[in-house]
């Protein structure tokens, strides 16, 4: 069964990539002196439609958190 191999990998991606990525973005926004919501919405500052869309902002947050999680995962192995 291929599904038994996919589910643990997806669960690991959530716990091992998204959670640390969101935490890193949250800490980075605090260090930058801004709020977490403003930090995410500044990506689409030029477009009011995109900056007000919850779906776009959540997708952007998840994608950014996933990428940041990949970047910081080798650091955590030390």
N, C-alpha and C. Protein backbone atom coordinates (compact mmCIF):
# COMPACT_ATOMS: atom_id res chain seq x y z
N UNK A 1 0.82 -1.17 0.00
CA UNK A 1 0.00 0.00 0.00
C UNK A 1 0.87 1.25 0.00
N UNK A 2 0.66 2.08 -0.97
CA UNK A 2 1.41 3.33 -1.07
C UNK A 2 0.92 4.39 -0.10
N UNK A 3 -0.34 4.30 0.29
CA UNK A 3 -0.91 5.33 1.16
C UNK A 3 -0.25 5.31 2.54
N UNK A 4 0.19 4.17 2.99
CA UNK A 4 0.83 4.09 4.31
C UNK A 4 2.20 4.76 4.31
N UNK A 5 2.81 4.88 3.15
CA UNK A 5 4.10 5.56 3.06
C UNK A 5 3.92 7.07 2.92
N UNK A 6 2.83 7.51 2.33
CA UNK A 6 2.60 8.93 2.09
C UNK A 6 2.14 9.64 3.35
N UNK A 7 1.27 9.03 4.13
CA UNK A 7 0.71 9.69 5.31
C UNK A 7 1.78 10.06 6.33
N UNK A 8 2.71 9.16 6.71
CA UNK A 8 3.74 9.60 7.67
C UNK A 8 4.63 10.72 7.12
N UNK A 9 4.89 10.72 5.84
CA UNK A 9 5.71 11.79 5.26
C UNK A 9 4.97 13.13 5.30
N UNK A 10 3.69 13.13 5.06
CA UNK A 10 2.90 14.37 5.14
C UNK A 10 2.82 14.84 6.58
N UNK A 11 2.67 13.92 7.52
CA UNK A 11 2.62 14.28 8.93
C UNK A 11 3.96 14.86 9.36
N UNK A 12 5.06 14.28 8.88
CA UNK A 12 6.39 14.81 9.21
C UNK A 12 6.58 16.20 8.62
N UNK A 13 6.07 16.43 7.43
CA UNK A 13 6.18 17.76 6.83
C UNK A 13 5.45 18.80 7.67
N UNK A 14 4.30 18.44 8.22
CA UNK A 14 3.57 19.39 9.06
C UNK A 14 4.33 19.66 10.34
N UNK A 15 4.77 18.60 10.99
CA UNK A 15 5.46 18.79 12.27
C UNK A 15 6.91 19.24 12.10
N UNK A 16 7.56 18.78 11.07
CA UNK A 16 8.99 19.06 10.92
C UNK A 16 9.33 20.25 10.07
N UNK A 17 8.38 20.75 9.30
CA UNK A 17 8.66 21.88 8.43
C UNK A 17 7.75 23.08 8.73
N UNK A 18 6.44 22.86 8.76
CA UNK A 18 5.51 23.99 8.91
C UNK A 18 5.55 24.61 10.30
N UNK A 19 5.53 23.80 11.33
CA UNK A 19 5.52 24.35 12.69
C UNK A 19 6.80 25.14 12.98
N UNK A 20 7.99 24.58 12.72
CA UNK A 20 9.19 25.40 12.94
C UNK A 20 9.28 26.61 12.00
N UNK A 21 8.76 26.47 10.78
CA UNK A 21 8.76 27.59 9.85
C UNK A 21 7.86 28.72 10.31
N UNK A 22 6.67 28.38 10.81
CA UNK A 22 5.77 29.41 11.33
C UNK A 22 6.37 30.06 12.57
N UNK A 23 6.99 29.25 13.42
CA UNK A 23 7.64 29.80 14.61
C UNK A 23 8.77 30.74 14.23
N UNK A 24 9.55 30.37 13.23
CA UNK A 24 10.66 31.22 12.79
C UNK A 24 10.15 32.53 12.20
N UNK A 25 9.09 32.47 11.40
CA UNK A 25 8.52 33.69 10.83
C UNK A 25 7.94 34.57 11.93
N UNK A 26 7.30 33.96 12.92
CA UNK A 26 6.73 34.72 14.04
C UNK A 26 7.84 35.41 14.85
N UNK A 27 8.92 34.68 15.14
CA UNK A 27 10.05 35.27 15.88
C UNK A 27 10.71 36.37 15.05
N UNK A 28 10.83 36.15 13.75
CA UNK A 28 11.44 37.14 12.87
C UNK A 28 10.58 38.42 12.83
N UNK A 29 9.26 38.26 12.82
CA UNK A 29 8.40 39.44 12.82
C UNK A 29 8.50 40.21 14.12
N UNK A 30 8.65 39.51 15.25
CA UNK A 30 8.85 40.19 16.53
C UNK A 30 10.18 40.93 16.53
N UNK A 31 11.22 40.30 15.99
CA UNK A 31 12.53 40.94 15.94
C UNK A 31 12.52 42.16 15.02
N UNK A 32 11.69 42.12 13.99
CA UNK A 32 11.59 43.25 13.07
C UNK A 32 10.72 44.37 13.63
N UNK A 33 10.05 44.12 14.74
CA UNK A 33 9.23 45.15 15.37
C UNK A 33 7.87 45.33 14.73
N UNK A 34 7.34 44.30 14.13
CA UNK A 34 6.03 44.38 13.51
C UNK A 34 5.17 43.23 14.00
N UNK A 35 3.90 43.25 13.67
CA UNK A 35 3.03 42.15 14.05
C UNK A 35 3.13 41.04 13.03
N UNK A 36 2.69 39.86 13.44
CA UNK A 36 2.75 38.70 12.57
C UNK A 36 1.87 38.89 11.34
N UNK A 37 0.68 39.45 11.52
CA UNK A 37 -0.24 39.67 10.40
C UNK A 37 0.31 40.70 9.43
N UNK A 38 0.89 41.77 9.95
CA UNK A 38 1.46 42.80 9.08
C UNK A 38 2.67 42.26 8.33
N UNK A 39 3.41 41.38 8.96
CA UNK A 39 4.58 40.80 8.32
C UNK A 39 4.18 39.97 7.10
N UNK A 40 3.06 39.23 7.22
CA UNK A 40 2.60 38.40 6.11
C UNK A 40 1.92 39.25 5.04
N UNK A 41 1.14 40.25 5.43
CA UNK A 41 0.42 41.06 4.44
C UNK A 41 1.33 42.02 3.69
N UNK A 42 2.50 42.31 4.21
CA UNK A 42 3.43 43.19 3.50
C UNK A 42 3.93 42.60 2.19
N UNK A 43 3.79 41.30 2.03
CA UNK A 43 4.19 40.66 0.77
C UNK A 43 3.35 41.21 -0.38
N UNK A 44 2.08 41.45 -0.11
CA UNK A 44 1.15 41.93 -1.14
C UNK A 44 0.75 43.38 -0.90
N UNK A 45 1.67 44.20 -0.49
CA UNK A 45 1.36 45.60 -0.16
C UNK A 45 0.89 46.39 -1.38
N UNK A 46 1.30 46.01 -2.57
CA UNK A 46 0.92 46.74 -3.77
C UNK A 46 -0.47 46.43 -4.27
N UNK A 47 -1.05 45.34 -3.83
CA UNK A 47 -2.37 44.93 -4.31
C UNK A 47 -3.33 44.80 -3.13
N UNK A 48 -4.35 45.65 -3.09
CA UNK A 48 -5.29 45.59 -1.98
C UNK A 48 -6.16 44.34 -2.03
N UNK A 49 -6.43 43.84 -3.22
CA UNK A 49 -7.25 42.64 -3.34
C UNK A 49 -6.53 41.43 -2.77
N UNK A 50 -5.27 41.28 -3.11
CA UNK A 50 -4.51 40.14 -2.59
C UNK A 50 -4.21 40.27 -1.10
N UNK A 51 -3.97 41.48 -0.64
CA UNK A 51 -3.65 41.65 0.78
C UNK A 51 -4.86 41.49 1.67
N UNK A 52 -6.07 41.49 1.12
CA UNK A 52 -7.28 41.30 1.90
C UNK A 52 -7.87 39.90 1.75
N UNK A 53 -7.30 39.09 0.87
CA UNK A 53 -7.81 37.74 0.65
C UNK A 53 -7.21 36.78 1.68
N UNK A 54 -8.07 36.17 2.46
CA UNK A 54 -7.61 35.25 3.50
C UNK A 54 -6.98 34.01 2.88
N UNK A 55 -7.55 33.53 1.79
CA UNK A 55 -7.02 32.33 1.14
C UNK A 55 -5.60 32.57 0.64
N UNK A 56 -5.38 33.70 0.02
CA UNK A 56 -4.05 34.02 -0.50
C UNK A 56 -3.06 34.20 0.64
N UNK A 57 -3.47 34.86 1.71
CA UNK A 57 -2.56 35.08 2.84
C UNK A 57 -2.21 33.79 3.56
N UNK A 58 -3.18 32.91 3.73
CA UNK A 58 -2.90 31.62 4.38
C UNK A 58 -2.01 30.76 3.49
N UNK A 59 -2.28 30.74 2.18
CA UNK A 59 -1.44 29.98 1.26
C UNK A 59 -0.02 30.53 1.24
N UNK A 60 0.12 31.84 1.28
CA UNK A 60 1.44 32.46 1.31
C UNK A 60 2.17 32.11 2.60
N UNK A 61 1.45 32.16 3.71
CA UNK A 61 2.05 31.82 5.00
C UNK A 61 2.51 30.37 5.03
N UNK A 62 1.67 29.46 4.54
CA UNK A 62 2.04 28.05 4.53
C UNK A 62 3.23 27.77 3.62
N UNK A 63 3.23 28.41 2.45
CA UNK A 63 4.36 28.22 1.53
C UNK A 63 5.64 28.80 2.10
N UNK A 64 5.56 29.99 2.67
CA UNK A 64 6.75 30.60 3.26
C UNK A 64 7.23 29.80 4.46
N UNK A 65 6.31 29.32 5.28
CA UNK A 65 6.70 28.53 6.45
C UNK A 65 7.33 27.21 6.02
N UNK A 66 6.82 26.60 4.97
CA UNK A 66 7.38 25.35 4.46
C UNK A 66 8.81 25.58 3.95
N UNK A 67 9.00 26.67 3.22
CA UNK A 67 10.34 26.97 2.71
C UNK A 67 11.32 27.32 3.82
N UNK A 68 10.87 28.12 4.78
CA UNK A 68 11.73 28.47 5.92
C UNK A 68 12.03 27.22 6.74
N UNK A 69 11.05 26.34 6.88
CA UNK A 69 11.27 25.08 7.58
C UNK A 69 12.33 24.23 6.92
N UNK A 70 12.35 24.21 5.60
CA UNK A 70 13.40 23.49 4.89
C UNK A 70 14.76 24.14 5.10
N UNK A 71 14.79 25.45 5.16
CA UNK A 71 16.06 26.16 5.34
C UNK A 71 16.63 25.93 6.74
N UNK A 72 15.77 25.95 7.76
CA UNK A 72 16.28 25.81 9.12
C UNK A 72 16.39 24.35 9.58
N UNK A 73 15.89 23.39 8.83
CA UNK A 73 15.97 21.99 9.27
C UNK A 73 17.41 21.49 9.37
N UNK A 74 18.35 21.85 8.49
CA UNK A 74 19.72 21.39 8.70
C UNK A 74 20.37 22.00 9.95
N UNK A 75 19.94 23.19 10.34
CA UNK A 75 20.48 23.82 11.54
C UNK A 75 20.08 23.03 12.77
N UNK A 76 18.88 22.50 12.79
CA UNK A 76 18.39 21.78 13.96
C UNK A 76 19.02 20.40 14.11
N UNK A 77 19.69 19.90 13.10
CA UNK A 77 20.31 18.58 13.22
C UNK A 77 21.64 18.62 13.97
N UNK A 78 22.15 19.83 14.25
CA UNK A 78 23.41 19.92 14.99
C UNK A 78 23.21 19.57 16.40
